[in-house]
C-alpha cells in the first residue's frame, strides 16, 4: 500500500469498516511511513475531539439543510 492508498482508507480505519484484506497492507504502511502515521494520529485526535463536542439543536433551517446536503453527499462519495 502506498501513501495515497493509505490516506484513502483512513476514514474506514477510524470507523472500523476497513475491508479485512486491506488491513495488513495498511498496518505495514503505517509501520514504515512516518508522515502517514503522523497524519493518521492527527486524524484520530481530531475525531475524538469532535465527538466530545455537544450536539446543538439548530433553529436555523438553512443551516440544517446545508448539513443534510453535506451528509448525503459525503455518504454517496464514500459508498
N, C-alpha and C. Protein backbone atom coordinates (compact mmCIF):
# COMPACT_ATOMS: atom_id res chain seq x y z
N UNK A 1 0.85 -1.17 0.00
CA UNK A 1 0.00 0.00 0.00
C UNK A 1 0.90 1.23 0.00
N UNK A 2 0.55 2.20 -0.83
CA UNK A 2 1.32 3.45 -0.86
C UNK A 2 0.59 4.52 -0.03
N UNK A 3 1.19 5.71 0.03
CA UNK A 3 0.63 6.78 0.86
C UNK A 3 -0.79 7.16 0.42
N UNK A 4 -0.98 7.32 -0.86
CA UNK A 4 -2.31 7.71 -1.36
C UNK A 4 -3.37 6.68 -0.97
N UNK A 5 -3.04 5.41 -1.15
CA UNK A 5 -4.00 4.36 -0.80
C UNK A 5 -4.28 4.35 0.70
N UNK A 6 -3.24 4.56 1.50
CA UNK A 6 -3.41 4.57 2.96
C UNK A 6 -4.32 5.73 3.38
N UNK A 7 -4.07 6.90 2.83
CA UNK A 7 -4.89 8.06 3.16
C UNK A 7 -6.34 7.85 2.74
N UNK A 8 -6.53 7.21 1.59
CA UNK A 8 -7.89 6.96 1.09
C UNK A 8 -8.71 6.05 2.00
N UNK A 9 -8.06 5.20 2.78
CA UNK A 9 -8.81 4.27 3.63
C UNK A 9 -8.81 4.64 5.11
N UNK A 10 -8.16 5.74 5.45
CA UNK A 10 -8.07 6.11 6.86
C UNK A 10 -9.43 6.31 7.51
N UNK A 11 -10.38 6.85 6.76
CA UNK A 11 -11.72 7.03 7.34
C UNK A 11 -12.35 5.68 7.67
N UNK A 12 -12.10 4.68 6.86
CA UNK A 12 -12.63 3.34 7.13
C UNK A 12 -11.95 2.73 8.35
N UNK A 13 -10.67 3.00 8.51
CA UNK A 13 -9.96 2.51 9.69
C UNK A 13 -10.56 3.15 10.94
N UNK A 14 -10.78 4.46 10.89
CA UNK A 14 -11.35 5.17 12.04
C UNK A 14 -12.75 4.66 12.38
N UNK A 15 -13.52 4.28 11.36
CA UNK A 15 -14.88 3.77 11.57
C UNK A 15 -14.91 2.27 11.80
N UNK A 16 -13.75 1.64 11.77
CA UNK A 16 -13.62 0.19 11.91
C UNK A 16 -14.42 -0.55 10.84
N UNK A 17 -14.35 -0.01 9.60
CA UNK A 17 -15.04 -0.64 8.48
C UNK A 17 -14.09 -0.99 7.35
N UNK A 18 -12.79 -1.00 7.63
CA UNK A 18 -11.82 -1.33 6.60
C UNK A 18 -11.95 -2.80 6.23
N UNK A 19 -11.94 -3.06 4.93
CA UNK A 19 -12.06 -4.43 4.45
C UNK A 19 -10.90 -5.27 5.00
N UNK A 20 -11.20 -6.48 5.45
CA UNK A 20 -10.16 -7.31 6.06
C UNK A 20 -8.92 -7.53 5.18
N UNK A 21 -9.11 -7.62 3.88
CA UNK A 21 -7.95 -7.87 3.02
C UNK A 21 -7.03 -6.65 2.89
N UNK A 22 -7.51 -5.46 3.28
CA UNK A 22 -6.69 -4.25 3.22
C UNK A 22 -5.94 -3.97 4.53
N UNK A 23 -6.36 -4.62 5.60
CA UNK A 23 -5.79 -4.34 6.92
C UNK A 23 -4.29 -4.60 7.01
N UNK A 24 -3.79 -5.75 6.53
CA UNK A 24 -2.34 -5.97 6.64
C UNK A 24 -1.52 -4.92 5.89
N UNK A 25 -1.95 -4.54 4.71
CA UNK A 25 -1.23 -3.53 3.95
C UNK A 25 -1.24 -2.18 4.64
N UNK A 26 -2.37 -1.84 5.25
CA UNK A 26 -2.46 -0.57 5.98
C UNK A 26 -1.53 -0.60 7.18
N UNK A 27 -1.58 -1.67 7.95
CA UNK A 27 -0.71 -1.78 9.14
C UNK A 27 0.76 -1.70 8.74
N UNK A 28 1.11 -2.40 7.68
CA UNK A 28 2.50 -2.39 7.23
C UNK A 28 2.92 -0.97 6.81
N UNK A 29 2.07 -0.31 6.07
CA UNK A 29 2.39 1.05 5.62
C UNK A 29 2.55 1.98 6.82
N UNK A 30 1.69 1.87 7.81
CA UNK A 30 1.79 2.72 8.99
C UNK A 30 3.08 2.45 9.76
N UNK A 31 3.56 1.23 9.69
CA UNK A 31 4.80 0.88 10.37
C UNK A 31 6.01 1.55 9.74
N UNK A 32 5.99 1.66 8.41
CA UNK A 32 7.18 2.18 7.72
C UNK A 32 7.09 3.64 7.30
N UNK A 33 5.90 4.24 7.32
CA UNK A 33 5.73 5.59 6.80
C UNK A 33 5.39 6.57 7.94
N UNK A 34 6.39 7.30 8.38
CA UNK A 34 6.20 8.25 9.48
C UNK A 34 5.21 9.36 9.11
N UNK A 35 5.27 9.96 7.92
CA UNK A 35 4.30 11.02 7.60
C UNK A 35 2.85 10.53 7.64
N UNK A 36 2.58 9.36 7.12
CA UNK A 36 1.20 8.84 7.16
C UNK A 36 0.79 8.51 8.58
N UNK A 37 1.70 7.97 9.36
CA UNK A 37 1.40 7.65 10.75
C UNK A 37 1.07 8.93 11.52
N UNK A 38 1.84 9.99 11.28
CA UNK A 38 1.59 11.27 11.94
C UNK A 38 0.24 11.82 11.52
N UNK A 39 -0.07 11.77 10.23
CA UNK A 39 -1.35 12.26 9.72
C UNK A 39 -2.50 11.48 10.34
N UNK A 40 -2.36 10.16 10.41
CA UNK A 40 -3.41 9.33 10.98
C UNK A 40 -3.60 9.63 12.47
N UNK A 41 -2.50 9.82 13.19
CA UNK A 41 -2.59 10.19 14.60
C UNK A 41 -3.35 11.50 14.77
N UNK A 42 -3.07 12.46 13.90
CA UNK A 42 -3.77 13.74 13.96
C UNK A 42 -5.26 13.58 13.67
N UNK A 43 -5.58 12.72 12.70
CA UNK A 43 -7.00 12.46 12.41
C UNK A 43 -7.71 11.85 13.61
N UNK A 44 -7.05 10.92 14.26
CA UNK A 44 -7.66 10.28 15.44
C UNK A 44 -7.92 11.31 16.54
N UNK A 45 -6.97 12.19 16.77
CA UNK A 45 -7.13 13.22 17.79
C UNK A 45 -8.29 14.14 17.43
N UNK A 46 -8.37 14.52 16.15
CA UNK A 46 -9.44 15.41 15.69
C UNK A 46 -10.80 14.76 15.85
N UNK A 47 -10.92 13.52 15.45
CA UNK A 47 -12.20 12.80 15.55
C UNK A 47 -12.64 12.69 17.01
N UNK A 48 -11.70 12.34 17.89
CA UNK A 48 -12.03 12.23 19.31
C UNK A 48 -12.51 13.57 19.86
N UNK A 49 -11.82 14.64 19.48
CA UNK A 49 -12.21 15.97 19.96
C UNK A 49 -13.58 16.36 19.45
N UNK A 50 -13.85 16.09 18.19
CA UNK A 50 -15.14 16.44 17.61
C UNK A 50 -16.27 15.64 18.23
N UNK A 51 -16.01 14.40 18.57
CA UNK A 51 -17.05 13.57 19.19
C UNK A 51 -17.40 14.04 20.59
N UNK A 52 -16.49 14.76 21.23
CA UNK A 52 -16.74 15.27 22.58
C UNK A 52 -17.57 16.54 22.58
N UNK A 53 -17.65 17.20 21.45
CA UNK A 53 -18.41 18.44 21.37
C UNK A 53 -19.90 18.15 21.54
N UNK A 54 -20.60 19.00 22.25
CA UNK A 54 -22.04 18.79 22.39
C UNK A 54 -22.75 19.01 21.06
N UNK A 55 -23.75 18.22 20.84
CA UNK A 55 -24.56 18.38 19.64
C UNK A 55 -25.64 19.40 19.96
N UNK A 56 -25.64 20.45 19.19
CA UNK A 56 -26.60 21.52 19.44
C UNK A 56 -27.78 21.40 18.49
N UNK A 57 -28.93 21.70 19.04
CA UNK A 57 -30.11 21.79 18.20
C UNK A 57 -30.07 23.13 17.49
N UNK A 58 -30.52 23.14 16.26
CA UNK A 58 -30.45 24.37 15.48
C UNK A 58 -31.84 24.94 15.24
N UNK A 59 -31.90 26.26 15.28
CA UNK A 59 -33.13 26.95 14.91
C UNK A 59 -33.02 27.56 13.52
N UNK A 60 -31.96 27.19 12.82
CA UNK A 60 -31.69 27.76 11.51
C UNK A 60 -31.97 26.72 10.43
N UNK A 61 -33.10 26.81 9.73
CA UNK A 61 -33.45 25.81 8.72
C UNK A 61 -32.42 25.73 7.59
N UNK A 62 -31.83 26.86 7.22
CA UNK A 62 -30.83 26.85 6.13
C UNK A 62 -29.60 26.07 6.56
N UNK A 63 -29.17 26.26 7.80
CA UNK A 63 -28.02 25.52 8.32
C UNK A 63 -28.32 24.02 8.32
N UNK A 64 -29.51 23.66 8.79
CA UNK A 64 -29.90 22.25 8.81
C UNK A 64 -29.93 21.66 7.41
N UNK A 65 -30.43 22.41 6.44
CA UNK A 65 -30.48 21.93 5.05
C UNK A 65 -29.07 21.72 4.50
N UNK A 66 -28.18 22.65 4.80
CA UNK A 66 -26.80 22.52 4.33
C UNK A 66 -26.11 21.32 4.97
N UNK A 67 -26.34 21.12 6.25
CA UNK A 67 -25.76 19.95 6.92
C UNK A 67 -26.30 18.65 6.34
N UNK A 68 -27.60 18.61 6.08
CA UNK A 68 -28.20 17.42 5.47
C UNK A 68 -27.61 17.16 4.09
N UNK A 69 -27.47 18.22 3.31
CA UNK A 69 -26.92 18.08 1.96
C UNK A 69 -25.47 17.57 2.02
N UNK A 70 -24.69 18.13 2.91
CA UNK A 70 -23.30 17.70 3.06
C UNK A 70 -23.24 16.24 3.48
N UNK A 71 -24.07 15.87 4.46
CA UNK A 71 -24.07 14.50 4.95
C UNK A 71 -24.42 13.52 3.84
N UNK A 72 -25.44 13.83 3.06
CA UNK A 72 -25.84 12.95 1.96
C UNK A 72 -24.74 12.84 0.90
N UNK A 73 -24.12 13.95 0.55
CA UNK A 73 -23.05 13.93 -0.44
C UNK A 73 -21.87 13.11 0.07
N UNK A 74 -21.51 13.31 1.32
CA UNK A 74 -20.38 12.60 1.89
C UNK A 74 -20.64 11.10 1.89
N UNK A 75 -21.85 10.69 2.23
CA UNK A 75 -22.19 9.27 2.23
C UNK A 75 -22.10 8.69 0.82
N UNK A 76 -22.61 9.42 -0.17
CA UNK A 76 -22.56 8.93 -1.56
C UNK A 76 -21.12 8.80 -2.04
N UNK A 77 -20.28 9.76 -1.72
CA UNK A 77 -18.90 9.73 -2.18
C UNK A 77 -18.10 8.61 -1.55
N UNK A 78 -18.51 8.13 -0.40
CA UNK A 78 -17.77 7.09 0.29
C UNK A 78 -18.38 5.71 0.16
N UNK A 79 -19.41 5.59 -0.64
CA UNK A 79 -20.03 4.27 -0.82
C UNK A 79 -19.46 3.58 -2.01
